[in-house]
Amino acid sequence: MGNLTNILYGVLMFVRWAGLIVITILSMGVLIGEAAKSRLSPAKILTVTGSAILAAVMFWILPTLVNYARTDSNIVVPDHPIGGYR
């Protein structure tokens, strides 16, 4: 089971970093696209930057929150039948 855990952890870290890279590329594309259309106001720059940071933070912590919810649900509804496997 330890090997599977290591593989899943590696996949999780890859997905997290790949997601952050994609979010960064998209936010830079939006900034460049807005700059090409018109002059950028400080409000637009702050809005796009803030949205990208919020998306990156949520993308980073979402798997952790799902894992906490999964382990907490095991307290309410055990993952073994009544009487156990003894």
PDB file of N, CA and C in Angstrom:
ATOM      1  N   MET A   1       0.823  -1.201   0.000  1.00  0.00           N
ATOM      2  CA  MET A   1       0.000   0.000   0.000  1.00  0.00           C
ATOM      3  C   MET A   1       0.865   1.262   0.000  1.00  0.00           C
ATOM      4  N   GLY A   2       2.073   1.166   0.538  1.00  0.00           N
ATOM      5  CA  GLY A   2       2.944   2.329   0.584  1.00  0.00           C
ATOM      6  C   GLY A   2       3.349   2.799  -0.799  1.00  0.00           C
ATOM      7  N   ASN A   3       3.569   1.862  -1.721  1.00  0.00           N
ATOM      8  CA  ASN A   3       3.954   2.225  -3.076  1.00  0.00           C
ATOM      9  C   ASN A   3       2.823   2.958  -3.789  1.00  0.00           C
ATOM     10  N   LEU A   4       1.600   2.486  -3.608  1.00  0.00           N
ATOM     11  CA  LEU A   4       0.443   3.154  -4.196  1.00  0.00           C
ATOM     12  C   LEU A   4       0.287   4.561  -3.633  1.00  0.00           C
ATOM     13  N   THR A   5       0.524   4.702  -2.338  1.00  0.00           N
ATOM     14  CA  THR A   5       0.444   6.015  -1.711  1.00  0.00           C
ATOM     15  C   THR A   5       1.462   6.966  -2.313  1.00  0.00           C
ATOM     16  N   ASN A   6       2.666   6.487  -2.529  1.00  0.00           N
ATOM     17  CA  ASN A   6       3.711   7.330  -3.129  1.00  0.00           C
ATOM     18  C   ASN A   6       3.349   7.727  -4.554  1.00  0.00           C
ATOM     19  N   ILE A   7       2.789   6.799  -5.315  1.00  0.00           N
ATOM     20  CA  ILE A   7       2.385   7.102  -6.688  1.00  0.00           C
ATOM     21  C   ILE A   7       1.279   8.148  -6.698  1.00  0.00           C
ATOM     22  N   LEU A   8       0.262   7.974  -5.854  1.00  0.00           N
ATOM     23  CA  LEU A   8      -0.847   8.929  -5.807  1.00  0.00           C
ATOM     24  C   LEU A   8      -0.383  10.294  -5.326  1.00  0.00           C
ATOM     25  N   TYR A   9       0.540  10.326  -4.378  1.00  0.00           N
ATOM     26  CA  TYR A   9       1.076  11.594  -3.905  1.00  0.00           C
ATOM     27  C   TYR A   9       1.839  12.299  -5.027  1.00  0.00           C
ATOM     28  N   GLY A  10       2.623  11.525  -5.791  1.00  0.00           N
ATOM     29  CA  GLY A  10       3.345  12.107  -6.922  1.00  0.00           C
ATOM     30  C   GLY A  10       2.405  12.678  -7.964  1.00  0.00           C
ATOM     31  N   VAL A  11       1.321  11.951  -8.245  1.00  0.00           N
ATOM     32  CA  VAL A  11       0.321  12.441  -9.206  1.00  0.00           C
ATOM     33  C   VAL A  11      -0.332  13.716  -8.674  1.00  0.00           C
ATOM     34  N   LEU A  12      -0.655  13.738  -7.375  1.00  0.00           N
ATOM     35  CA  LEU A  12      -1.269  14.929  -6.782  1.00  0.00           C
ATOM     36  C   LEU A  12      -0.355  16.135  -6.906  1.00  0.00           C
ATOM     37  N   MET A  13       0.919  15.959  -6.614  1.00  0.00           N
ATOM     38  CA  MET A  13       1.848  17.083  -6.707  1.00  0.00           C
ATOM     39  C   MET A  13       2.015  17.544  -8.155  1.00  0.00           C
ATOM     40  N   PHE A  14       2.029  16.604  -9.091  1.00  0.00           N
ATOM     41  CA  PHE A  14       2.121  16.984 -10.506  1.00  0.00           C
ATOM     42  C   PHE A  14       0.899  17.790 -10.932  1.00  0.00           C
ATOM     43  N   VAL A  15      -0.284  17.333 -10.541  1.00  0.00           N
ATOM     44  CA  VAL A  15      -1.513  18.031 -10.918  1.00  0.00           C
ATOM     45  C   VAL A  15      -1.546  19.418 -10.297  1.00  0.00           C
ATOM     46  N   ARG A  16      -1.105  19.526  -9.042  1.00  0.00           N
ATOM     47  CA  ARG A  16      -1.081  20.841  -8.396  1.00  0.00           C
ATOM     48  C   ARG A  16      -0.165  21.804  -9.139  1.00  0.00           C
ATOM     49  N   TRP A  17       1.067  21.381  -9.405  1.00  0.00           N
ATOM     50  CA  TRP A  17       2.012  22.281 -10.069  1.00  0.00           C
ATOM     51  C   TRP A  17       1.596  22.574 -11.497  1.00  0.00           C
ATOM     52  N   ALA A  18       1.091  21.565 -12.209  1.00  0.00           N
ATOM     53  CA  ALA A  18       0.630  21.803 -13.575  1.00  0.00           C
ATOM     54  C   ALA A  18      -0.547  22.781 -13.577  1.00  0.00           C
ATOM     55  N   GLY A  19      -1.441  22.653 -12.614  1.00  0.00           N
ATOM     56  CA  GLY A  19      -2.566  23.577 -12.511  1.00  0.00           C
ATOM     57  C   GLY A  19      -2.115  24.997 -12.235  1.00  0.00           C
ATOM     58  N   LEU A  20      -1.132  25.155 -11.352  1.00  0.00           N
ATOM     59  CA  LEU A  20      -0.618  26.488 -11.066  1.00  0.00           C
ATOM     60  C   LEU A  20       0.042  27.102 -12.301  1.00  0.00           C
ATOM     61  N   ILE A  21       0.752  26.288 -13.054  1.00  0.00           N
ATOM     62  CA  ILE A  21       1.391  26.790 -14.272  1.00  0.00           C
ATOM     63  C   ILE A  21       0.340  27.212 -15.295  1.00  0.00           C
ATOM     64  N   VAL A  22      -0.711  26.407 -15.446  1.00  0.00           N
ATOM     65  CA  VAL A  22      -1.779  26.747 -16.393  1.00  0.00           C
ATOM     66  C   VAL A  22      -2.502  28.024 -15.959  1.00  0.00           C
ATOM     67  N   ILE A  23      -2.791  28.148 -14.666  1.00  0.00           N
ATOM     68  CA  ILE A  23      -3.446  29.360 -14.162  1.00  0.00           C
ATOM     69  C   ILE A  23      -2.568  30.578 -14.426  1.00  0.00           C
ATOM     70  N   THR A  24      -1.266  30.454 -14.217  1.00  0.00           N
ATOM     71  CA  THR A  24      -0.354  31.569 -14.470  1.00  0.00           C
ATOM     72  C   THR A  24      -0.333  31.951 -15.941  1.00  0.00           C
ATOM     73  N   ILE A  25      -0.252  30.953 -16.810  1.00  0.00           N
ATOM     74  CA  ILE A  25      -0.230  31.237 -18.252  1.00  0.00           C
ATOM     75  C   ILE A  25      -1.527  31.906 -18.691  1.00  0.00           C
ATOM     76  N   LEU A  26      -2.668  31.407 -18.220  1.00  0.00           N
ATOM     77  CA  LEU A  26      -3.950  32.002 -18.604  1.00  0.00           C
ATOM     78  C   LEU A  26      -4.087  33.429 -18.095  1.00  0.00           C
ATOM     79  N   SER A  27      -3.678  33.663 -16.839  1.00  0.00           N
ATOM     80  CA  SER A  27      -3.803  35.027 -16.307  1.00  0.00           C
ATOM     81  C   SER A  27      -2.886  35.992 -17.041  1.00  0.00           C
ATOM     82  N   MET A  28      -1.682  35.542 -17.420  1.00  0.00           N
ATOM     83  CA  MET A  28      -0.807  36.408 -18.202  1.00  0.00           C
ATOM     84  C   MET A  28      -1.398  36.656 -19.588  1.00  0.00           C
ATOM     85  N   GLY A  29      -2.052  35.643 -20.163  1.00  0.00           N
ATOM     86  CA  GLY A  29      -2.708  35.828 -21.462  1.00  0.00           C
ATOM     87  C   GLY A  29      -3.823  36.848 -21.390  1.00  0.00           C
ATOM     88  N   VAL A  30      -4.593  36.802 -20.305  1.00  0.00           N
ATOM     89  CA  VAL A  30      -5.672  37.784 -20.140  1.00  0.00           C
ATOM     90  C   VAL A  30      -5.096  39.181 -19.993  1.00  0.00           C
ATOM     91  N   LEU A  31      -4.033  39.312 -19.205  1.00  0.00           N
ATOM     92  CA  LEU A  31      -3.405  40.632 -19.047  1.00  0.00           C
ATOM     93  C   LEU A  31      -2.862  41.154 -20.377  1.00  0.00           C
ATOM     94  N   ILE A  32      -2.196  40.302 -21.139  1.00  0.00           N
ATOM     95  CA  ILE A  32      -1.657  40.727 -22.429  1.00  0.00           C
ATOM     96  C   ILE A  32      -2.787  41.055 -23.407  1.00  0.00           C
ATOM     97  N   GLY A  33      -3.858  40.256 -23.377  1.00  0.00           N
ATOM     98  CA  GLY A  33      -5.002  40.522 -24.253  1.00  0.00           C
ATOM     99  C   GLY A  33      -5.681  41.841 -23.925  1.00  0.00           C
ATOM    100  N   GLU A  34      -5.828  42.116 -22.643  1.00  0.00           N
ATOM    101  CA  GLU A  34      -6.430  43.394 -22.241  1.00  0.00           C
ATOM    102  C   GLU A  34      -5.522  44.558 -22.603  1.00  0.00           C
ATOM    103  N   ALA A  35      -4.221  44.354 -22.476  1.00  0.00           N
ATOM    104  CA  ALA A  35      -3.278  45.419 -22.819  1.00  0.00           C
ATOM    105  C   ALA A  35      -3.297  45.695 -24.323  1.00  0.00           C
ATOM    106  N   ALA A  36      -3.506  44.658 -25.119  1.00  0.00           N
ATOM    107  CA  ALA A  36      -3.543  44.845 -26.572  1.00  0.00           C
ATOM    108  C   ALA A  36      -4.801  45.593 -27.000  1.00  0.00           C
ATOM    109  N   LYS A  37      -5.926  45.360 -26.281  1.00  0.00           N
ATOM    110  CA  LYS A  37      -7.182  46.019 -26.654  1.00  0.00           C
ATOM    111  C   LYS A  37      -7.189  47.488 -26.255  1.00  0.00           C
ATOM    112  N   SER A  38      -6.739  47.762 -25.063  1.00  0.00           N
ATOM    113  CA  SER A  38      -6.777  49.139 -24.583  1.00  0.00           C
ATOM    114  C   SER A  38      -5.749  49.316 -23.479  1.00  0.00           C
ATOM    115  N   ARG A  39      -5.638  50.524 -23.024  1.00  0.00           N
ATOM    116  CA  ARG A  39      -4.728  50.763 -21.908  1.00  0.00           C
ATOM    117  C   ARG A  39      -5.272  50.088 -20.671  1.00  0.00           C
ATOM    118  N   LEU A  40      -4.381  49.514 -19.900  1.00  0.00           N
ATOM    119  CA  LEU A  40      -4.801  48.838 -18.679  1.00  0.00           C
ATOM    120  C   LEU A  40      -4.879  49.831 -17.532  1.00  0.00           C
ATOM    121  N   SER A  41      -5.994  49.825 -16.862  1.00  0.00           N
ATOM    122  CA  SER A  41      -6.104  50.639 -15.666  1.00  0.00           C
ATOM    123  C   SER A  41      -5.578  49.824 -14.487  1.00  0.00           C
ATOM    124  N   PRO A  42      -5.146  50.476 -13.430  1.00  0.00           N
ATOM    125  CA  PRO A  42      -4.668  49.739 -12.252  1.00  0.00           C
ATOM    126  C   PRO A  42      -5.746  48.809 -11.674  1.00  0.00           C
ATOM    127  N   ALA A  43      -7.005  49.195 -11.791  1.00  0.00           N
ATOM    128  CA  ALA A  43      -8.083  48.349 -11.266  1.00  0.00           C
ATOM    129  C   ALA A  43      -8.170  47.032 -12.031  1.00  0.00           C
ATOM    130  N   LYS A  44      -8.023  47.077 -13.356  1.00  0.00           N
ATOM    131  CA  LYS A  44      -8.069  45.844 -14.152  1.00  0.00           C
ATOM    132  C   LYS A  44      -6.883  44.941 -13.833  1.00  0.00           C
ATOM    133  N   ILE A  45      -5.711  45.548 -13.688  1.00  0.00           N
ATOM    134  CA  ILE A  45      -4.520  44.757 -13.363  1.00  0.00           C
ATOM    135  C   ILE A  45      -4.699  44.076 -12.012  1.00  0.00           C
ATOM    136  N   LEU A  46      -5.165  44.816 -11.017  1.00  0.00           N
ATOM    137  CA  LEU A  46      -5.376  44.244  -9.687  1.00  0.00           C
ATOM    138  C   LEU A  46      -6.468  43.182  -9.704  1.00  0.00           C
ATOM    139  N   THR A  47      -7.510  43.382 -10.487  1.00  0.00           N
ATOM    140  CA  THR A  47      -8.596  42.410 -10.564  1.00  0.00           C
ATOM    141  C   THR A  47      -8.123  41.093 -11.168  1.00  0.00           C
ATOM    142  N   VAL A  48      -7.420  41.172 -12.282  1.00  0.00           N
ATOM    143  CA  VAL A  48      -6.927  39.949 -12.933  1.00  0.00           C
ATOM    144  C   VAL A  48      -5.895  39.254 -12.048  1.00  0.00           C
ATOM    145  N   THR A  49      -4.984  40.026 -11.457  1.00  0.00           N
ATOM    146  CA  THR A  49      -3.967  39.444 -10.590  1.00  0.00           C
ATOM    147  C   THR A  49      -4.591  38.807  -9.356  1.00  0.00           C
ATOM    148  N   GLY A  50      -5.541  39.502  -8.739  1.00  0.00           N
ATOM    149  CA  GLY A  50      -6.223  38.944  -7.569  1.00  0.00           C
ATOM    150  C   GLY A  50      -7.004  37.686  -7.898  1.00  0.00           C
ATOM    151  N   SER A  51      -7.663  37.669  -9.046  1.00  0.00           N
ATOM    152  CA  SER A  51      -8.404  36.473  -9.457  1.00  0.00           C
ATOM    153  C   SER A  51      -7.471  35.296  -9.693  1.00  0.00           C
ATOM    154  N   ALA A  52      -6.329  35.564 -10.315  1.00  0.00           N
ATOM    155  CA  ALA A  52      -5.358  34.490 -10.557  1.00  0.00           C
ATOM    156  C   ALA A  52      -4.785  33.954  -9.253  1.00  0.00           C
ATOM    157  N   ILE A  53      -4.493  34.832  -8.315  1.00  0.00           N
ATOM    158  CA  ILE A  53      -3.970  34.385  -7.014  1.00  0.00           C
ATOM    159  C   ILE A  53      -5.016  33.583  -6.265  1.00  0.00           C
ATOM    160  N   LEU A  54      -6.263  34.043  -6.265  1.00  0.00           N
ATOM    161  CA  LEU A  54      -7.339  33.304  -5.593  1.00  0.00           C
ATOM    162  C   LEU A  54      -7.552  31.938  -6.224  1.00  0.00           C
ATOM    163  N   ALA A  55      -7.521  31.880  -7.557  1.00  0.00           N
ATOM    164  CA  ALA A  55      -7.680  30.591  -8.232  1.00  0.00           C
ATOM    165  C   ALA A  55      -6.527  29.655  -7.901  1.00  0.00           C
ATOM    166  N   ALA A  56      -5.323  30.178  -7.847  1.00  0.00           N
ATOM    167  CA  ALA A  56      -4.167  29.342  -7.524  1.00  0.00           C
ATOM    168  C   ALA A  56      -4.242  28.815  -6.098  1.00  0.00           C
ATOM    169  N   VAL A  57      -4.632  29.669  -5.161  1.00  0.00           N
ATOM    170  CA  VAL A  57      -4.751  29.229  -3.767  1.00  0.00           C
ATOM    171  C   VAL A  57      -5.834  28.166  -3.627  1.00  0.00           C
ATOM    172  N   MET A  58      -6.977  28.381  -4.260  1.00  0.00           N
ATOM    173  CA  MET A  58      -8.047  27.392  -4.176  1.00  0.00           C
ATOM    174  C   MET A  58      -7.641  26.087  -4.853  1.00  0.00           C
ATOM    175  N   PHE A  59      -6.926  26.171  -5.973  1.00  0.00           N
ATOM    176  CA  PHE A  59      -6.472  24.976  -6.671  1.00  0.00           C
ATOM    177  C   PHE A  59      -5.490  24.198  -5.806  1.00  0.00           C
ATOM    178  N   TRP A  60      -4.680  24.920  -5.017  1.00  0.00           N
ATOM    179  CA  TRP A  60      -3.676  24.272  -4.191  1.00  0.00           C
ATOM    180  C   TRP A  60      -4.306  23.596  -2.978  1.00  0.00           C
ATOM    181  N   ILE A  61      -5.295  24.234  -2.323  1.00  0.00           N
ATOM    182  CA  ILE A  61      -5.811  23.678  -1.071  1.00  0.00           C
ATOM    183  C   ILE A  61      -7.015  22.769  -1.262  1.00  0.00           C
ATOM    184  N   LEU A  62      -7.630  22.739  -2.447  1.00  0.00           N
ATOM    185  CA  LEU A  62      -8.819  21.912  -2.642  1.00  0.00           C
ATOM    186  C   LEU A  62      -8.564  20.426  -2.390  1.00  0.00           C
ATOM    187  N   PRO A  63      -7.480  19.815  -2.906  1.00  0.00           N
ATOM    188  CA  PRO A  63      -7.261  18.393  -2.598  1.00  0.00           C
ATOM    189  C   PRO A  63      -7.090  18.127  -1.106  1.00  0.00           C
ATOM    190  N   THR A  64      -6.472  19.063  -0.386  1.00  0.00           N
ATOM    191  CA  THR A  64      -6.304  18.898   1.050  1.00  0.00           C
ATOM    192  C   THR A  64      -7.646  18.944   1.761  1.00  0.00           C
ATOM    193  N   LEU A  65      -8.512  19.862   1.352  1.00  0.00           N
ATOM    194  CA  LEU A  65      -9.840  19.937   1.959  1.00  0.00           C
ATOM    195  C   LEU A  65     -10.662  18.684   1.680  1.00  0.00           C
ATOM    196  N   VAL A  66     -10.551  18.149   0.472  1.00  0.00           N
ATOM    197  CA  VAL A  66     -11.264  16.927   0.132  1.00  0.00           C
ATOM    198  C   VAL A  66     -10.746  15.765   0.980  1.00  0.00           C
ATOM    199  N   ASN A  67      -9.439  15.709   1.190  1.00  0.00           N
ATOM    200  CA  ASN A  67      -8.864  14.648   2.002  1.00  0.00           C
ATOM    201  C   ASN A  67      -9.324  14.763   3.450  1.00  0.00           C
ATOM    202  N   TYR A  68      -9.371  15.980   4.000  1.00  0.00           N
ATOM    203  CA  TYR A  68      -9.867  16.169   5.365  1.00  0.00           C
ATOM    204  C   TYR A  68     -11.325  15.744   5.478  1.00  0.00           C
ATOM    205  N   ALA A  69     -12.130  16.097   4.482  1.00  0.00           N
ATOM    206  CA  ALA A  69     -13.539  15.705   4.492  1.00  0.00           C
ATOM    207  C   ALA A  69     -13.678  14.190   4.423  1.00  0.00           C
ATOM    208  N   ARG A  70     -12.829  13.551   3.643  1.00  0.00           N
ATOM    209  CA  ARG A  70     -12.875  12.083   3.522  1.00  0.00           C
ATOM    210  C   ARG A  70     -12.535  11.423   4.844  1.00  0.00           C
ATOM    211  N   THR A  71     -11.490  11.898   5.524  1.00  0.00           N
ATOM    212  CA  THR A  71     -11.108  11.280   6.791  1.00  0.00           C
ATOM    213  C   THR A  71     -12.121  11.603   7.884  1.00  0.00           C
ATOM    214  N   ASP A  72     -12.715  12.802   7.861  1.00  0.00           N
ATOM    215  CA  ASP A  72     -13.735  13.134   8.852  1.00  0.00           C
ATOM    216  C   ASP A  72     -15.002  12.329   8.631  1.00  0.00           C
ATOM    217  N   SER A  73     -15.345  12.042   7.385  1.00  0.00           N
ATOM    218  CA  SER A  73     -16.551  11.252   7.140  1.00  0.00           C
ATOM    219  C   SER A  73     -16.375   9.823   7.635  1.00  0.00           C
ATOM    220  N   ASN A  74     -15.133   9.359   7.715  1.00  0.00           N
ATOM    221  CA  ASN A  74     -14.862   8.024   8.232  1.00  0.00           C
ATOM    222  C   ASN A  74     -15.201   7.936   9.711  1.00  0.00           C
ATOM    223  N   ILE A  75     -15.174   9.051  10.418  1.00  0.00           N
ATOM    224  CA  ILE A  75     -15.554   9.068  11.835  1.00  0.00           C
ATOM    225  C   ILE A  75     -17.069   8.899  11.965  1.00  0.00           C
ATOM    226  N   VAL A  76     -17.819   9.579  11.088  1.00  0.00           N
ATOM    227  CA  VAL A  76     -19.281   9.522  11.153  1.00  0.00           C
ATOM    228  C   VAL A  76     -19.789   8.188  10.632  1.00  0.00           C
ATOM    229  N   VAL A  77     -19.302   7.769   9.473  1.00  0.00           N
ATOM    230  CA  VAL A  77     -19.708   6.499   8.869  1.00  0.00           C
ATOM    231  C   VAL A  77     -18.443   5.665   8.689  1.00  0.00           C
ATOM    232  N   PRO A  78     -18.204   4.695   9.596  1.00  0.00           N
ATOM    233  CA  PRO A  78     -16.970   3.901   9.496  1.00  0.00           C
ATOM    234  C   PRO A  78     -16.915   3.129   8.178  1.00  0.00           C
ATOM    235  N   ASP A  79     -15.685   2.908   7.693  1.00  0.00           N
ATOM    236  CA  ASP A  79     -15.530   2.202   6.412  1.00  0.00           C
ATOM    237  C   ASP A  79     -15.429   0.696   6.593  1.00  0.00           C
ATOM    238  N   HIS A  80     -15.855   0.198   7.738  1.00  0.00           N
ATOM    239  CA  HIS A  80     -15.884  -1.256   7.951  1.00  0.00           C
ATOM    240  C   HIS A  80     -17.276  -1.641   8.438  1.00  0.00           C
ATOM    241  N   PRO A  81     -17.705  -2.841   8.133  1.00  0.00           N
ATOM    242  CA  PRO A  81     -19.064  -3.233   8.518  1.00  0.00           C
ATOM    243  C   PRO A  81     -19.188  -3.391  10.039  1.00  0.00           C
ATOM    244  N   ILE A  82     -20.416  -3.387  10.502  1.00  0.00           N
ATOM    245  CA  ILE A  82     -20.675  -3.576  11.926  1.00  0.00           C
ATOM    246  C   ILE A  82     -20.162  -4.961  12.325  1.00  0.00           C
ATOM    247  N   GLY A  83     -19.401  -5.022  13.368  1.00  0.00           N
ATOM    248  CA  GLY A  83     -18.827  -6.284  13.802  1.00  0.00           C
ATOM    249  C   GLY A  83     -17.408  -6.450  13.321  1.00  0.00           C
ATOM    250  N   GLY A  84     -16.997  -5.730  12.308  1.00  0.00           N
ATOM    251  CA  GLY A  84     -15.633  -5.761  11.814  1.00  0.00           C
ATOM    252  C   GLY A  84     -15.288  -7.027  11.049  1.00  0.00           C
ATOM    253  N   TYR A  85     -14.013  -7.159  10.749  1.00  0.00           N
ATOM    254  CA  TYR A  85     -13.535  -8.290   9.965  1.00  0.00           C
ATOM    255  C   TYR A  85     -12.805  -9.309  10.835  1.00  0.00           C
ATOM    256  N   ARG A  86     -12.955  -9.248  12.125  1.00  0.00           N
ATOM    257  CA  ARG A  86     -12.209 -10.126  13.027  1.00  0.00           C
ATOM    258  C   ARG A  86     -12.612 -11.524  12.951  1.00  0.00           C
TER     259      ARG A  86
END
